[in-house]
Amino acid sequence: MATTKELARLLLNVVGLLSNAYGFSFVVGAFPSDIGFGGIFQFLTIIGLTSVKLKTKKINHFVAIYKHIAYVATPMEGLITILYWPMVLYSKELLQHQEVPFFLPLPLDMSLHLWPAVLLWIDFLAFDVEFVRSKTHIVVIYAFTVWYLGWSSYCFARNGFWVYPFLSEFSTIGRATFFMFCGNVCVAMYEAGKVFIRMVVSGNKLAGDC
């Protein structure tokens, strides 16, 4: 019989899957189609949601792959949320082109840019007590950072515009520096999560010894 903790985690994952599906339904059905080479997969948000979807499915036949996806998706979604909301509140023109404007209702905006991070971090901090830090996870985070820099640059070369307008304000070195800064933020969040879980485990052990 499933424990209360297992049921709570299952419920959290179901909520996350429904929120994820809601976001994807908009992206597939209503997003502007004339956004050039790479389509919707130019957007870090969409790549993040895809990784969350894979994480939520828990591909048990590929446990190692699943763990790498999970431990990259969690800080990546945290980064997306940290970057997105200050930018969109300051000026939407930093994130969307004037030629292809789009409006996101607040519930949908939160489904794309807030709830994935909140739910992943709750899942990670509350239920991944068996988590063990690995240099592989760090390598995967930095490898993804370099890959997305290369991917977005290639899409720019094909399309003649950056999918996120604010990227056009950087020099080549400036963009690379910005991406590596983002990779460092992801690693910092990963390390912070590790410290938190270690504190929880230590606290549980002390409580058990009392």
Protein backbone atom coordinates (compact mmCIF):
# COMPACT_ATOMS: atom_id res chain seq x y z
CA MET A 1 0.00 0.00 0.00
CA ALA A 2 1.29 3.44 -0.93
CA THR A 3 2.42 5.63 1.92
CA THR A 4 1.09 9.13 2.55
CA LYS A 5 4.36 10.56 1.22
CA GLU A 6 4.11 8.50 -1.97
CA LEU A 7 0.51 9.61 -2.50
CA ALA A 8 1.49 13.25 -1.90
CA ARG A 9 4.26 12.98 -4.47
CA LEU A 10 1.92 11.30 -6.96
CA LEU A 11 -0.63 14.10 -6.48
CA LEU A 12 2.08 16.72 -6.97
CA ASN A 13 3.20 15.05 -10.20
CA VAL A 14 -0.38 14.81 -11.48
CA VAL A 15 -0.90 18.53 -10.81
CA GLY A 16 2.39 19.25 -12.58
CA LEU A 17 1.43 17.09 -15.56
CA LEU A 18 -1.96 18.81 -15.91
CA SER A 19 -0.36 22.26 -15.68
CA ASN A 20 2.24 21.20 -18.23
CA ALA A 21 -0.43 19.85 -20.59
CA TYR A 22 -2.37 23.12 -20.29
CA GLY A 23 0.71 25.09 -21.32
CA PHE A 24 1.50 22.77 -24.21
CA SER A 25 -2.08 22.91 -25.50
CA PHE A 26 -1.70 26.65 -26.00
CA VAL A 27 1.75 26.42 -27.54
CA VAL A 28 0.70 23.81 -30.09
CA GLY A 29 -2.65 25.32 -30.95
CA ALA A 30 -2.31 29.08 -30.72
CA PHE A 31 1.33 30.15 -30.89
CA PRO A 32 2.35 32.20 -33.96
CA SER A 33 3.50 29.88 -36.72
CA ASP A 34 5.81 32.33 -38.51
CA ILE A 35 8.68 32.30 -36.05
CA GLY A 36 11.28 30.83 -38.36
CA PHE A 37 13.64 27.90 -38.24
CA GLY A 38 13.45 25.93 -35.01
CA GLY A 39 9.82 26.84 -34.42
CA ILE A 40 8.66 26.76 -30.82
CA PHE A 41 11.78 24.81 -29.83
CA GLN A 42 13.82 27.98 -30.09
CA PHE A 43 12.27 29.02 -26.77
CA LEU A 44 13.95 27.99 -23.55
CA THR A 45 10.52 27.82 -21.92
CA ILE A 46 9.36 25.14 -24.37
CA ILE A 47 12.57 23.13 -24.00
CA GLY A 48 12.13 23.39 -20.23
CA LEU A 49 8.52 22.19 -20.42
CA THR A 50 9.60 19.27 -22.60
CA SER A 51 12.18 18.21 -20.03
CA VAL A 52 9.57 18.57 -17.27
CA LYS A 53 7.22 16.35 -19.26
CA LEU A 54 9.91 13.69 -19.58
CA LYS A 55 10.72 14.04 -15.89
CA THR A 56 7.07 13.68 -14.86
CA LYS A 57 6.68 10.51 -16.91
CA LYS A 58 9.54 8.92 -14.94
CA ILE A 59 11.09 6.75 -17.61
CA ASN A 60 11.89 3.80 -15.33
CA HIS A 61 13.67 1.85 -18.07
CA PHE A 62 16.23 4.63 -18.34
CA VAL A 63 16.74 5.59 -14.70
CA ALA A 64 20.12 7.25 -15.25
CA ILE A 65 18.74 9.39 -18.10
CA TYR A 66 15.69 10.27 -16.01
CA LYS A 67 17.84 11.46 -13.10
CA HIS A 68 19.97 13.65 -15.35
CA ILE A 69 16.83 15.16 -16.89
CA ALA A 70 15.30 15.77 -13.46
CA TYR A 71 18.37 17.43 -11.97
CA VAL A 72 18.81 19.68 -15.02
CA ALA A 73 15.10 20.50 -15.40
CA THR A 74 14.72 21.69 -11.81
CA PRO A 75 17.38 24.46 -11.76
CA MET A 76 16.61 25.30 -15.40
CA GLU A 77 12.95 25.97 -14.60
CA GLY A 78 14.10 28.00 -11.61
CA LEU A 79 16.29 30.07 -13.94
CA ILE A 80 13.45 30.56 -16.44
CA THR A 81 11.21 31.91 -13.68
CA ILE A 82 13.92 34.18 -12.27
CA LEU A 83 14.67 35.65 -15.70
CA TYR A 84 11.16 35.81 -17.12
CA TRP A 85 9.10 37.69 -14.57
CA PRO A 86 11.40 40.70 -14.01
CA MET A 87 11.84 41.05 -17.79
CA VAL A 88 8.16 40.75 -18.70
CA LEU A 89 7.15 43.14 -15.92
CA TYR A 90 9.77 45.65 -17.07
CA SER A 91 9.07 45.37 -20.81
CA LYS A 92 7.55 42.57 -22.88
CA GLU A 93 9.60 43.82 -25.82
CA LEU A 94 12.64 42.17 -24.24
CA LEU A 95 11.04 38.78 -24.85
CA GLN A 96 8.75 39.15 -27.86
CA HIS A 97 9.12 40.82 -31.23
CA GLN A 98 6.83 43.71 -32.09
CA GLU A 99 6.11 42.03 -35.44
CA VAL A 100 4.82 38.87 -33.76
CA PRO A 101 3.06 40.03 -30.60
CA PHE A 102 1.19 37.56 -28.42
CA PHE A 103 -0.84 37.83 -25.25
CA LEU A 104 -0.72 35.28 -22.45
CA PRO A 105 -3.60 35.24 -19.96
CA LEU A 106 -2.22 35.19 -16.43
CA PRO A 107 -3.25 31.55 -15.66
CA LEU A 108 -1.51 30.42 -18.85
CA ASP A 109 1.52 32.62 -18.21
CA MET A 110 1.88 31.06 -14.76
CA SER A 111 1.47 27.58 -16.22
CA LEU A 112 4.37 28.25 -18.58
CA HIS A 113 6.67 30.38 -16.45
CA LEU A 114 5.93 29.80 -12.76
CA TRP A 115 4.24 26.54 -11.77
CA PRO A 116 6.83 24.26 -13.45
CA ALA A 117 9.58 25.75 -11.25
CA VAL A 118 7.45 25.79 -8.09
CA LEU A 119 6.27 22.19 -8.50
CA LEU A 120 9.69 20.84 -9.49
CA TRP A 121 11.38 22.48 -6.52
CA ILE A 122 8.72 21.20 -4.13
CA ASP A 123 9.15 17.71 -5.57
CA PHE A 124 12.94 17.95 -5.34
CA LEU A 125 13.22 19.43 -1.85
CA ALA A 126 10.38 17.51 -0.23
CA PHE A 127 10.77 14.07 -1.77
CA ASP A 128 14.31 13.60 -3.17
CA VAL A 129 15.92 12.84 0.19
CA GLU A 130 17.96 10.10 -1.50
CA PHE A 131 19.56 12.70 -3.78
CA VAL A 132 23.34 12.48 -4.03
CA ARG A 133 25.37 15.26 -5.59
CA SER A 134 27.15 14.25 -8.77
CA LYS A 135 29.71 15.99 -10.93
CA THR A 136 27.82 14.52 -13.89
CA HIS A 137 24.83 16.71 -13.09
CA ILE A 138 27.07 19.79 -13.12
CA VAL A 139 28.56 18.74 -16.44
CA VAL A 140 25.08 18.20 -17.90
CA ILE A 141 23.96 21.66 -16.77
CA TYR A 142 26.97 23.35 -18.36
CA ALA A 143 26.71 21.15 -21.46
CA PHE A 144 23.09 22.20 -21.87
CA THR A 145 24.09 25.86 -21.44
CA VAL A 146 26.66 25.57 -24.23
CA TRP A 147 24.23 23.60 -26.40
CA TYR A 148 21.47 26.21 -26.06
CA LEU A 149 23.92 29.01 -26.86
CA GLY A 150 24.91 27.13 -30.00
CA TRP A 151 21.32 26.24 -30.89
CA SER A 152 19.99 29.79 -30.47
CA SER A 153 22.97 31.15 -32.45
CA TYR A 154 22.30 28.68 -35.26
CA CYS A 155 18.62 29.65 -35.33
CA PHE A 156 19.71 33.30 -35.53
CA ALA A 157 21.99 32.48 -38.45
CA ARG A 158 19.07 30.83 -40.25
CA ASN A 159 16.37 33.35 -39.33
CA GLY A 160 18.23 36.64 -39.13
CA PHE A 161 16.76 37.46 -35.71
CA TRP A 162 17.14 36.28 -32.14
CA VAL A 163 14.14 34.48 -30.70
CA TYR A 164 14.47 36.69 -27.61
CA PRO A 165 14.99 40.31 -28.74
CA PHE A 166 17.13 41.23 -25.71
CA LEU A 167 19.86 38.89 -26.99
CA SER A 168 20.44 41.23 -29.93
CA GLU A 169 21.67 43.87 -27.47
CA PHE A 170 24.74 41.77 -26.59
CA SER A 171 27.98 41.38 -28.45
CA THR A 172 29.05 37.82 -29.24
CA ILE A 173 31.27 37.75 -26.16
CA GLY A 174 28.52 39.41 -24.14
CA ARG A 175 26.00 36.72 -25.11
CA ALA A 176 28.45 33.95 -24.26
CA THR A 177 29.12 35.62 -20.90
CA PHE A 178 25.39 35.96 -20.24
CA PHE A 179 24.76 32.29 -21.04
CA MET A 180 27.61 31.15 -18.82
CA PHE A 181 26.27 33.39 -16.04
CA CYS A 182 22.92 31.62 -16.42
CA GLY A 183 24.69 28.26 -16.26
CA ASN A 184 26.40 29.37 -13.05
CA VAL A 185 23.03 30.40 -11.58
CA CYS A 186 21.63 26.94 -12.39
CA VAL A 187 24.61 25.28 -10.73
CA ALA A 188 24.25 27.56 -7.69
CA MET A 189 20.59 26.53 -7.35
CA TYR A 190 21.57 22.88 -7.73
CA GLU A 191 24.17 23.24 -4.97
CA ALA A 192 21.69 25.10 -2.74
CA GLY A 193 19.21 22.26 -3.18
CA LYS A 194 21.90 19.78 -2.23
CA VAL A 195 22.68 21.70 0.96
CA PHE A 196 18.99 21.95 1.88
CA ILE A 197 18.39 18.22 1.41
CA ARG A 198 21.51 17.41 3.42
CA MET A 199 20.16 19.57 6.25
CA VAL A 200 16.77 17.80 6.07
CA VAL A 201 18.36 14.36 6.15
CA SER A 202 20.59 15.34 9.07
CA GLY A 203 17.58 16.76 10.92
CA ASN A 204 15.62 13.57 10.36
CA LYS A 205 18.51 11.48 11.70
CA LEU A 206 18.78 13.65 14.80
CA ALA A 207 15.02 13.39 15.36
CA GLY A 208 15.23 9.62 14.99
CA ASP A 209 18.03 9.40 17.54
CA CYS A 210 16.06 11.36 20.13
